[in-house]
Amino acid sequence: MPELPEVEVVRRGLMRWVTGRTVAEAQVLHPRAVRRHPAGAVDFAARLTGQSLGSACRRGKYLWFRIGAGDMSLLGHLGMSGQLLVQPEDAPDERHLRIRFRFDDTIGTELRFVDQRTFGGLSVHDNTPDGLPSAIAHIARDPLDPAFDDEAFLVALRLRRTTVKRALLDQTLISGVGNIYADEALWRARVHYDRLTSGLDRPRAAELLGHVRDVMTAALAEGGTSFDSLYVNVNGESGYFDRSLDAYGREDEPCRRCGTQIRRRPWMNRSSYYCPRCQRPPRP
């Protein structure tokens, strides 16, 4: 699933190619793509037709455009395979095209939401007084947000009665971190994924937060991580950070720090990758 760096790459593309344009037509081609819009596809299209799309914004893994006078937003989540693509108007339709936006200008491109597995989707929501779509008011700020409160996070992390990787994936505590970048940050910090958060002292927790930021910043510079064709930017291009991963996806390959084989273990219907020497499991 796309995480913060991948979603931020898409946001930047939308900001460049879509912000400021007025929707001439919103065409819903699959009802699941707007299932988070309770009023349905017809209302979704009606609310957007004739509206100008404002700044492209992001919190964690969510994207949105402010629309109209700014009291509503078009919210998007890419899910497992969602793509927001800026395509020429005469380009052939993608096989899994779910929503199309045509604009009232002469630029000659349209915005398409393509989603093979239909886990993602778009919806329109009223905004909170803080300018957030109401549906994501509970989502925490992400570590690349200038307003992220390091001290509040460190206190909350150590008070959690859970393991450290579970805490990193808790989007109400810190947003944007998923399975890939959690494993990468934990490898850099030499912390096992099953270590209890209560066992991290403040310097260790602060070091881990620093590694979360560092790995996401590095991934963002490479355009994100692409293991297949499902994650691409708005121009259909893949990211290249998968070539720089130290833990995730490297089962049985040597640890780049000590040479021990990287291991993979099942974890919450996913996998965790770690070095058994650098990231020693906690004692029972």
C-alpha atoms as a PDB file:
ATOM      1  CA  MET A   1       0.000   0.000   0.000  1.00  0.00           C
ATOM      2  CA  PRO A   2       1.373   3.464  -0.822  1.00  0.00           C
ATOM      3  CA  GLU A   3       2.791   5.198   2.241  1.00  0.00           C
ATOM      4  CA  LEU A   4       3.674   8.824   2.917  1.00  0.00           C
ATOM      5  CA  PRO A   5       6.489   9.244   0.327  1.00  0.00           C
ATOM      6  CA  GLU A   6       4.444   7.709  -2.492  1.00  0.00           C
ATOM      7  CA  VAL A   7       1.343   9.738  -1.660  1.00  0.00           C
ATOM      8  CA  GLU A   8       3.395  12.928  -1.371  1.00  0.00           C
ATOM      9  CA  VAL A   9       4.865  12.335  -4.840  1.00  0.00           C
ATOM     10  CA  VAL A  10       1.317  12.049  -6.202  1.00  0.00           C
ATOM     11  CA  ARG A  11       0.250  15.192  -4.312  1.00  0.00           C
ATOM     12  CA  ARG A  12       3.055  17.208  -5.880  1.00  0.00           C
ATOM     13  CA  GLY A  13       2.027  16.054  -9.336  1.00  0.00           C
ATOM     14  CA  LEU A  14      -1.605  16.965  -8.690  1.00  0.00           C
ATOM     15  CA  MET A  15      -0.552  20.371  -7.411  1.00  0.00           C
ATOM     16  CA  ARG A  16       1.311  21.003 -10.641  1.00  0.00           C
ATOM     17  CA  TRP A  17      -1.161  19.600 -13.174  1.00  0.00           C
ATOM     18  CA  VAL A  18      -4.631  19.842 -11.599  1.00  0.00           C
ATOM     19  CA  THR A  19      -4.838  22.589  -8.957  1.00  0.00           C
ATOM     20  CA  GLY A  20      -6.730  25.648 -10.210  1.00  0.00           C
ATOM     21  CA  ARG A  21      -8.676  23.813 -12.911  1.00  0.00           C
ATOM     22  CA  THR A  22     -12.493  23.714 -12.997  1.00  0.00           C
ATOM     23  CA  VAL A  23     -14.350  20.418 -13.306  1.00  0.00           C
ATOM     24  CA  ALA A  24     -16.581  20.270 -16.392  1.00  0.00           C
ATOM     25  CA  GLU A  25     -17.671  16.682 -15.784  1.00  0.00           C
ATOM     26  CA  ALA A  26     -17.103  14.021 -13.118  1.00  0.00           C
ATOM     27  CA  GLN A  27     -17.863  10.575 -14.488  1.00  0.00           C
ATOM     28  CA  VAL A  28     -18.150   7.643 -12.031  1.00  0.00           C
ATOM     29  CA  LEU A  29     -17.537   4.356 -13.858  1.00  0.00           C
ATOM     30  CA  HIS A  30     -17.593   1.998 -10.860  1.00  0.00           C
ATOM     31  CA  PRO A  31     -19.758   2.515  -7.740  1.00  0.00           C
ATOM     32  CA  ARG A  32     -17.167   1.070  -5.342  1.00  0.00           C
ATOM     33  CA  ALA A  33     -14.846   3.956  -6.175  1.00  0.00           C
ATOM     34  CA  VAL A  34     -17.256   6.348  -4.403  1.00  0.00           C
ATOM     35  CA  ARG A  35     -18.524   3.999  -1.674  1.00  0.00           C
ATOM     36  CA  ARG A  36     -17.191   6.390   0.998  1.00  0.00           C
ATOM     37  CA  HIS A  37     -19.473   9.090  -0.421  1.00  0.00           C
ATOM     38  CA  PRO A  38     -22.742   8.159   1.323  1.00  0.00           C
ATOM     39  CA  ALA A  39     -25.023  10.085  -1.053  1.00  0.00           C
ATOM     40  CA  GLY A  40     -23.824   8.026  -4.021  1.00  0.00           C
ATOM     41  CA  ALA A  41     -22.343   8.543  -7.471  1.00  0.00           C
ATOM     42  CA  VAL A  42     -24.913  11.015  -8.822  1.00  0.00           C
ATOM     43  CA  ASP A  43     -24.502  13.342  -5.834  1.00  0.00           C
ATOM     44  CA  PHE A  44     -20.699  12.970  -6.015  1.00  0.00           C
ATOM     45  CA  ALA A  45     -20.656  14.124  -9.639  1.00  0.00           C
ATOM     46  CA  ALA A  46     -23.145  16.951  -9.018  1.00  0.00           C
ATOM     47  CA  ARG A  47     -21.131  18.358  -6.101  1.00  0.00           C
ATOM     48  CA  LEU A  48     -17.975  18.571  -8.227  1.00  0.00           C
ATOM     49  CA  THR A  49     -19.302  19.736 -11.594  1.00  0.00           C
ATOM     50  CA  GLY A  50     -18.487  23.417 -12.074  1.00  0.00           C
ATOM     51  CA  GLN A  51     -16.211  23.547  -9.041  1.00  0.00           C
ATOM     52  CA  SER A  52     -12.613  24.760  -9.074  1.00  0.00           C
ATOM     53  CA  LEU A  53     -10.085  22.431  -7.463  1.00  0.00           C
ATOM     54  CA  GLY A  54      -7.908  24.304  -4.957  1.00  0.00           C
ATOM     55  CA  SER A  55      -4.624  23.288  -3.354  1.00  0.00           C
ATOM     56  CA  ALA A  56      -3.709  19.610  -3.308  1.00  0.00           C
ATOM     57  CA  CYS A  57      -3.178  18.679   0.343  1.00  0.00           C
ATOM     58  CA  ARG A  58      -2.038  15.574   2.209  1.00  0.00           C
ATOM     59  CA  ARG A  59      -2.173  14.150   5.712  1.00  0.00           C
ATOM     60  CA  GLY A  60      -0.459  10.811   6.102  1.00  0.00           C
ATOM     61  CA  LYS A  61      -1.761   8.578   3.318  1.00  0.00           C
ATOM     62  CA  TYR A  62      -4.770  10.766   2.449  1.00  0.00           C
ATOM     63  CA  LEU A  63      -4.986  13.339  -0.354  1.00  0.00           C
ATOM     64  CA  TRP A  64      -7.557  16.062  -0.869  1.00  0.00           C
ATOM     65  CA  PHE A  65      -8.426  19.123  -2.916  1.00  0.00           C
ATOM     66  CA  ARG A  66     -10.240  22.035  -1.321  1.00  0.00           C
ATOM     67  CA  ILE A  67     -13.208  22.863  -3.528  1.00  0.00           C
ATOM     68  CA  GLY A  68     -15.579  25.771  -3.953  1.00  0.00           C
ATOM     69  CA  ALA A  69     -15.365  28.365  -1.172  1.00  0.00           C
ATOM     70  CA  GLY A  70     -13.133  26.025   0.844  1.00  0.00           C
ATOM     71  CA  ASP A  71     -15.823  24.562   3.102  1.00  0.00           C
ATOM     72  CA  MET A  72     -15.711  21.206   1.279  1.00  0.00           C
ATOM     73  CA  SER A  73     -12.983  18.908  -0.003  1.00  0.00           C
ATOM     74  CA  LEU A  74     -12.554  16.108  -2.518  1.00  0.00           C
ATOM     75  CA  LEU A  75     -10.835  13.394  -0.473  1.00  0.00           C
ATOM     76  CA  GLY A  76      -8.892  10.467  -1.896  1.00  0.00           C
ATOM     77  CA  HIS A  77      -7.247   7.329  -0.572  1.00  0.00           C
ATOM     78  CA  LEU A  78      -5.249   5.142  -2.950  1.00  0.00           C
ATOM     79  CA  GLY A  79      -5.792   1.891  -1.056  1.00  0.00           C
ATOM     80  CA  MET A  80      -3.713  -1.021  -2.370  1.00  0.00           C
ATOM     81  CA  SER A  81      -3.659  -0.174  -6.061  1.00  0.00           C
ATOM     82  CA  GLY A  82      -5.225   3.225  -6.656  1.00  0.00           C
ATOM     83  CA  GLN A  83      -3.633   5.619  -9.135  1.00  0.00           C
ATOM     84  CA  LEU A  84      -4.432   9.250  -9.916  1.00  0.00           C
ATOM     85  CA  LEU A  85      -3.212   9.811 -13.450  1.00  0.00           C
ATOM     86  CA  VAL A  86      -3.128  12.955 -15.591  1.00  0.00           C
ATOM     87  CA  GLN A  87      -3.726  11.688 -19.118  1.00  0.00           C
ATOM     88  CA  PRO A  88      -4.320  13.227 -22.557  1.00  0.00           C
ATOM     89  CA  GLU A  89      -8.040  13.403 -23.280  1.00  0.00           C
ATOM     90  CA  ASP A  90      -7.649  11.126 -26.296  1.00  0.00           C
ATOM     91  CA  ALA A  91      -5.582   8.477 -24.481  1.00  0.00           C
ATOM     92  CA  PRO A  92      -7.215   5.015 -24.402  1.00  0.00           C
ATOM     93  CA  ASP A  93      -9.087   4.226 -21.197  1.00  0.00           C
ATOM     94  CA  GLU A  94      -7.186   2.122 -18.677  1.00  0.00           C
ATOM     95  CA  ARG A  95      -8.657  -1.311 -17.992  1.00  0.00           C
ATOM     96  CA  HIS A  96      -9.427  -0.435 -14.379  1.00  0.00           C
ATOM     97  CA  LEU A  97     -10.530   3.172 -14.878  1.00  0.00           C
ATOM     98  CA  ARG A  98     -13.041   4.012 -12.114  1.00  0.00           C
ATOM     99  CA  ILE A  99     -13.541   7.809 -12.196  1.00  0.00           C
ATOM    100  CA  ARG A 100     -12.789  10.429 -14.861  1.00  0.00           C
ATOM    101  CA  PHE A 101     -12.616  14.208 -14.412  1.00  0.00           C
ATOM    102  CA  ARG A 102     -12.826  16.427 -17.469  1.00  0.00           C
ATOM    103  CA  PHE A 103     -11.993  20.134 -17.178  1.00  0.00           C
ATOM    104  CA  ASP A 104     -13.399  23.269 -18.821  1.00  0.00           C
ATOM    105  CA  ASP A 105     -10.070  24.484 -20.231  1.00  0.00           C
ATOM    106  CA  THR A 106      -8.038  23.824 -23.359  1.00  0.00           C
ATOM    107  CA  ILE A 107      -5.034  22.139 -21.730  1.00  0.00           C
ATOM    108  CA  GLY A 108      -6.088  18.812 -23.233  1.00  0.00           C
ATOM    109  CA  THR A 109      -5.619  16.559 -20.206  1.00  0.00           C
ATOM    110  CA  GLU A 110      -7.995  14.909 -17.763  1.00  0.00           C
ATOM    111  CA  LEU A 111      -7.628  13.358 -14.305  1.00  0.00           C
ATOM    112  CA  ARG A 112      -8.316   9.633 -13.994  1.00  0.00           C
ATOM    113  CA  PHE A 113      -8.689   7.457 -10.921  1.00  0.00           C
ATOM    114  CA  VAL A 114      -7.572   3.943 -11.798  1.00  0.00           C
ATOM    115  CA  ASP A 115      -7.856   1.155  -9.226  1.00  0.00           C
ATOM    116  CA  GLN A 116      -7.393  -2.520 -10.014  1.00  0.00           C
ATOM    117  CA  ARG A 117      -8.454  -3.868  -6.617  1.00  0.00           C
ATOM    118  CA  THR A 118     -10.994  -1.116  -5.800  1.00  0.00           C
ATOM    119  CA  PHE A 119      -9.804  -0.750  -2.192  1.00  0.00           C
ATOM    120  CA  GLY A 120      -9.213   2.976  -2.692  1.00  0.00           C
ATOM    121  CA  GLY A 121     -11.757   5.645  -3.469  1.00  0.00           C
ATOM    122  CA  LEU A 122     -12.808   9.295  -3.671  1.00  0.00           C
ATOM    123  CA  SER A 123     -15.484  11.163  -1.706  1.00  0.00           C
ATOM    124  CA  VAL A 124     -16.649  14.706  -0.931  1.00  0.00           C
ATOM    125  CA  HIS A 125     -16.774  15.912   2.694  1.00  0.00           C
ATOM    126  CA  ASP A 126     -17.412  19.050   4.682  1.00  0.00           C
ATOM    127  CA  ASN A 127     -14.283  20.553   6.235  1.00  0.00           C
ATOM    128  CA  THR A 128     -13.570  20.966   9.926  1.00  0.00           C
ATOM    129  CA  PRO A 129     -12.676  24.444  11.270  1.00  0.00           C
ATOM    130  CA  ASP A 130      -9.023  23.394  10.838  1.00  0.00           C
ATOM    131  CA  GLY A 131      -9.572  22.833   7.118  1.00  0.00           C
ATOM    132  CA  LEU A 132      -9.461  19.028   7.240  1.00  0.00           C
ATOM    133  CA  PRO A 133     -12.066  16.849   5.531  1.00  0.00           C
ATOM    134  CA  SER A 134     -14.296  15.670   8.377  1.00  0.00           C
ATOM    135  CA  ALA A 135     -13.674  12.005   7.523  1.00  0.00           C
ATOM    136  CA  ILE A 136      -9.990  12.256   8.515  1.00  0.00           C
ATOM    137  CA  ALA A 137     -10.213  14.575  11.524  1.00  0.00           C
ATOM    138  CA  HIS A 138      -8.932  11.705  13.690  1.00  0.00           C
ATOM    139  CA  ILE A 139      -5.757  11.145  11.643  1.00  0.00           C
ATOM    140  CA  ALA A 140      -2.568  12.362  13.335  1.00  0.00           C
ATOM    141  CA  ARG A 141      -0.039  14.637  11.691  1.00  0.00           C
ATOM    142  CA  ASP A 142       2.810  12.918   9.899  1.00  0.00           C
ATOM    143  CA  PRO A 143       6.525  13.211  10.770  1.00  0.00           C
ATOM    144  CA  LEU A 144       7.284  15.429   7.755  1.00  0.00           C
ATOM    145  CA  ASP A 145       4.585  17.938   8.758  1.00  0.00           C
ATOM    146  CA  PRO A 146       6.264  21.125  10.106  1.00  0.00           C
ATOM    147  CA  ALA A 147       3.608  21.206  12.850  1.00  0.00           C
ATOM    148  CA  PHE A 148       4.312  17.661  14.040  1.00  0.00           C
ATOM    149  CA  ASP A 149       4.812  17.740  17.832  1.00  0.00           C
ATOM    150  CA  ASP A 150       7.850  15.576  18.586  1.00  0.00           C
ATOM    151  CA  GLU A 151       7.517  15.822  22.348  1.00  0.00           C
ATOM    152  CA  ALA A 152       3.832  14.907  22.387  1.00  0.00           C
ATOM    153  CA  PHE A 153       4.546  11.945  20.124  1.00  0.00           C
ATOM    154  CA  LEU A 154       7.410  10.653  22.270  1.00  0.00           C
ATOM    155  CA  VAL A 155       5.299  10.844  25.412  1.00  0.00           C
ATOM    156  CA  ALA A 156       2.324   9.147  23.754  1.00  0.00           C
ATOM    157  CA  LEU A 157       4.524   6.442  22.196  1.00  0.00           C
ATOM    158  CA  ARG A 158       6.035   5.401  25.518  1.00  0.00           C
ATOM    159  CA  LEU A 159       2.609   5.388  27.203  1.00  0.00           C
ATOM    160  CA  ARG A 160       1.159   3.008  24.616  1.00  0.00           C
ATOM    161  CA  ARG A 161       0.650  -0.537  25.914  1.00  0.00           C
ATOM    162  CA  THR A 162       1.730  -2.168  22.681  1.00  0.00           C
ATOM    163  CA  THR A 163       4.725  -3.153  20.578  1.00  0.00           C
ATOM    164  CA  VAL A 164       6.759  -0.607  18.687  1.00  0.00           C
ATOM    165  CA  LYS A 165       5.763  -1.558  15.146  1.00  0.00           C
ATOM    166  CA  ARG A 166       2.071  -1.594  16.037  1.00  0.00           C
ATOM    167  CA  ALA A 167       2.517   1.918  17.424  1.00  0.00           C
ATOM    168  CA  LEU A 168       4.256   3.165  14.278  1.00  0.00           C
ATOM    169  CA  LEU A 169       1.357   1.901  12.157  1.00  0.00           C
ATOM    170  CA  ASP A 170      -1.266   3.540  14.397  1.00  0.00           C
ATOM    171  CA  GLN A 171      -2.483   6.413  12.200  1.00  0.00           C
ATOM    172  CA  THR A 172      -4.023   8.183  15.219  1.00  0.00           C
ATOM    173  CA  LEU A 173      -0.553   8.414  16.783  1.00  0.00           C
ATOM    174  CA  ILE A 174       1.617   9.140  13.735  1.00  0.00           C
ATOM    175  CA  SER A 175       0.336   9.047  10.163  1.00  0.00           C
ATOM    176  CA  GLY A 176       1.892   8.020   6.884  1.00  0.00           C
ATOM    177  CA  VAL A 177       3.971   5.112   8.183  1.00  0.00           C
ATOM    178  CA  GLY A 178       3.174   1.690   6.737  1.00  0.00           C
ATOM    179  CA  ASN A 179       4.771  -1.721   6.703  1.00  0.00           C
ATOM    180  CA  ILE A 180       7.704  -0.856   4.439  1.00  0.00           C
ATOM    181  CA  TYR A 181       8.981   2.255   6.179  1.00  0.00           C
ATOM    182  CA  ALA A 182       8.301   0.868   9.662  1.00  0.00           C
ATOM    183  CA  ASP A 183      10.624  -2.061   8.903  1.00  0.00           C
ATOM    184  CA  GLU A 184      13.216   0.259   7.390  1.00  0.00           C
ATOM    185  CA  ALA A 185      13.195   2.682  10.344  1.00  0.00           C
ATOM    186  CA  LEU A 186      13.338  -0.168  12.875  1.00  0.00           C
ATOM    187  CA  TRP A 187      16.315  -1.682  11.035  1.00  0.00           C
ATOM    188  CA  ARG A 188      18.121   1.648  11.091  1.00  0.00           C
ATOM    189  CA  ALA A 189      17.357   2.074  14.800  1.00  0.00           C
ATOM    190  CA  ARG A 190      18.353  -1.566  15.596  1.00  0.00           C
ATOM    191  CA  VAL A 191      14.994  -2.123  17.290  1.00  0.00           C
ATOM    192  CA  HIS A 192      13.023  -5.378  16.981  1.00  0.00           C
ATOM    193  CA  TYR A 193       9.444  -4.946  15.769  1.00  0.00           C
ATOM    194  CA  ASP A 194       8.010  -6.780  18.808  1.00  0.00           C
ATOM    195  CA  ARG A 195       9.774  -4.677  21.411  1.00  0.00           C
ATOM    196  CA  LEU A 196       7.381  -3.013  23.871  1.00  0.00           C
ATOM    197  CA  THR A 197       7.016   0.744  23.557  1.00  0.00           C
ATOM    198  CA  SER A 198       7.188   1.046  27.335  1.00  0.00           C
ATOM    199  CA  GLY A 199      10.731  -0.329  27.150  1.00  0.00           C
ATOM    200  CA  LEU A 200      11.996   2.525  24.980  1.00  0.00           C
ATOM    201  CA  ASP A 201      13.634   5.337  26.909  1.00  0.00           C
ATOM    202  CA  ARG A 202      13.246   8.850  25.565  1.00  0.00           C
ATOM    203  CA  PRO A 203      16.614   9.026  23.702  1.00  0.00           C
ATOM    204  CA  ARG A 204      15.910   5.671  22.023  1.00  0.00           C
ATOM    205  CA  ALA A 205      12.403   6.735  21.026  1.00  0.00           C
ATOM    206  CA  ALA A 206      13.704  10.045  19.681  1.00  0.00           C
ATOM    207  CA  GLU A 207      16.347   8.192  17.661  1.00  0.00           C
ATOM    208  CA  LEU A 208      13.656   5.960  16.155  1.00  0.00           C
ATOM    209  CA  LEU A 209      11.548   8.989  15.179  1.00  0.00           C
ATOM    210  CA  GLY A 210      14.618  10.480  13.510  1.00  0.00           C
ATOM    211  CA  HIS A 211      15.087   7.322  11.466  1.00  0.00           C
ATOM    212  CA  VAL A 212      11.417   7.363  10.430  1.00  0.00           C
ATOM    213  CA  ARG A 213      11.928  10.878   9.101  1.00  0.00           C
ATOM    214  CA  ASP A 214      15.228  10.055   7.420  1.00  0.00           C
ATOM    215  CA  VAL A 215      13.989   6.992   5.561  1.00  0.00           C
ATOM    216  CA  MET A 216      10.866   8.789   4.353  1.00  0.00           C
ATOM    217  CA  THR A 217      12.870  11.800   3.200  1.00  0.00           C
ATOM    218  CA  ALA A 218      15.247   9.515   1.299  1.00  0.00           C
ATOM    219  CA  ALA A 219      12.357   7.612  -0.286  1.00  0.00           C
ATOM    220  CA  LEU A 220      10.670  10.852  -1.308  1.00  0.00           C
ATOM    221  CA  ALA A 221      13.850  11.954  -3.087  1.00  0.00           C
ATOM    222  CA  GLU A 222      13.726   8.722  -5.137  1.00  0.00           C
ATOM    223  CA  GLY A 223      10.051   9.104  -6.038  1.00  0.00           C
ATOM    224  CA  GLY A 224       8.864   6.481  -3.545  1.00  0.00           C
ATOM    225  CA  THR A 225       9.005   2.689  -3.595  1.00  0.00           C
ATOM    226  CA  SER A 226       7.626   0.633  -6.493  1.00  0.00           C
ATOM    227  CA  PHE A 227       7.602  -3.167  -6.398  1.00  0.00           C
ATOM    228  CA  ASP A 228       5.197  -3.485  -9.338  1.00  0.00           C
ATOM    229  CA  SER A 229       3.196  -1.307 -11.701  1.00  0.00           C
ATOM    230  CA  LEU A 230       0.506  -0.488  -9.128  1.00  0.00           C
ATOM    231  CA  TYR A 231       2.284   2.512  -7.593  1.00  0.00           C
ATOM    232  CA  VAL A 232       3.114   5.274 -10.080  1.00  0.00           C
ATOM    233  CA  ASN A 233       3.081   9.061 -10.022  1.00  0.00           C
ATOM    234  CA  VAL A 234       0.535  11.143 -11.961  1.00  0.00           C
ATOM    235  CA  ASN A 235       2.569  10.681 -15.150  1.00  0.00           C
ATOM    236  CA  GLY A 236       2.653   6.893 -14.777  1.00  0.00           C
ATOM    237  CA  GLU A 237       6.295   6.731 -13.649  1.00  0.00           C
ATOM    238  CA  SER A 238       7.567   4.376 -10.939  1.00  0.00           C
ATOM    239  CA  GLY A 239       9.687   5.280  -7.913  1.00  0.00           C
ATOM    240  CA  TYR A 240      13.133   3.811  -7.330  1.00  0.00           C
ATOM    241  CA  PHE A 241      13.629   3.608  -3.553  1.00  0.00           C
ATOM    242  CA  ASP A 242      13.138  -0.189  -3.634  1.00  0.00           C
ATOM    243  CA  ARG A 243      16.786  -0.349  -4.757  1.00  0.00           C
ATOM    244  CA  SER A 244      17.851   1.267  -1.465  1.00  0.00           C
ATOM    245  CA  LEU A 245      15.793  -0.791   0.990  1.00  0.00           C
ATOM    246  CA  ASP A 246      17.854  -2.305   3.807  1.00  0.00           C
ATOM    247  CA  ALA A 247      15.333  -4.718   5.331  1.00  0.00           C
ATOM    248  CA  TYR A 248      11.932  -4.878   3.637  1.00  0.00           C
ATOM    249  CA  GLY A 249      11.736  -7.513   0.890  1.00  0.00           C
ATOM    250  CA  ARG A 250      15.311  -8.756   1.499  1.00  0.00           C
ATOM    251  CA  GLU A 251      14.609 -12.152   3.074  1.00  0.00           C
ATOM    252  CA  ASP A 252      17.743 -14.385   3.141  1.00  0.00           C
ATOM    253  CA  GLU A 253      19.915 -11.557   1.788  1.00  0.00           C
ATOM    254  CA  PRO A 254      22.860 -10.385   3.943  1.00  0.00           C
ATOM    255  CA  CYS A 255      22.300  -7.509   6.327  1.00  0.00           C
ATOM    256  CA  ARG A 256      24.173  -4.507   4.954  1.00  0.00           C
ATOM    257  CA  ARG A 257      25.458  -3.761   8.455  1.00  0.00           C
ATOM    258  CA  CYS A 258      26.593  -7.143   9.866  1.00  0.00           C
ATOM    259  CA  GLY A 259      26.165  -9.719   7.078  1.00  0.00           C
ATOM    260  CA  THR A 260      23.578 -11.854   8.896  1.00  0.00           C
ATOM    261  CA  GLN A 261      20.719 -13.096   6.707  1.00  0.00           C
ATOM    262  CA  ILE A 262      17.617 -10.931   6.865  1.00  0.00           C
ATOM    263  CA  ARG A 263      14.597 -12.844   8.158  1.00  0.00           C
ATOM    264  CA  ARG A 264      10.908 -12.530   7.377  1.00  0.00           C
ATOM    265  CA  ARG A 265       8.218 -13.378   9.892  1.00  0.00           C
ATOM    266  CA  PRO A 266       4.402 -13.316   9.523  1.00  0.00           C
ATOM    267  CA  TRP A 267       2.967 -10.305  11.352  1.00  0.00           C
ATOM    268  CA  MET A 268      -0.673  -9.154  11.480  1.00  0.00           C
ATOM    269  CA  ASN A 269      -1.500 -10.672   8.068  1.00  0.00           C
ATOM    270  CA  ARG A 270       1.639  -9.039   6.679  1.00  0.00           C
ATOM    271  CA  SER A 271       5.357  -9.667   6.999  1.00  0.00           C
ATOM    272  CA  SER A 272       8.088  -8.144   9.112  1.00  0.00           C
ATOM    273  CA  TYR A 273      11.668  -8.096   7.857  1.00  0.00           C
ATOM    274  CA  TYR A 274      14.526  -7.732  10.342  1.00  0.00           C
ATOM    275  CA  CYS A 275      18.119  -8.665  11.103  1.00  0.00           C
ATOM    276  CA  PRO A 276      18.221 -11.199  13.974  1.00  0.00           C
ATOM    277  CA  ARG A 277      21.636  -9.951  15.061  1.00  0.00           C
ATOM    278  CA  CYS A 278      21.167  -6.193  14.816  1.00  0.00           C
ATOM    279  CA  GLN A 279      17.547  -6.310  16.014  1.00  0.00           C
ATOM    280  CA  ARG A 280      17.525  -8.909  18.743  1.00  0.00           C
ATOM    281  CA  PRO A 281      14.061 -10.192  19.689  1.00  0.00           C
ATOM    282  CA  PRO A 282      12.812  -9.159  23.147  1.00  0.00           C
ATOM    283  CA  ARG A 283      13.012 -11.711  25.912  1.00  0.00           C
ATOM    284  CA  PRO A 284       9.736 -13.549  26.653  1.00  0.00           C
END
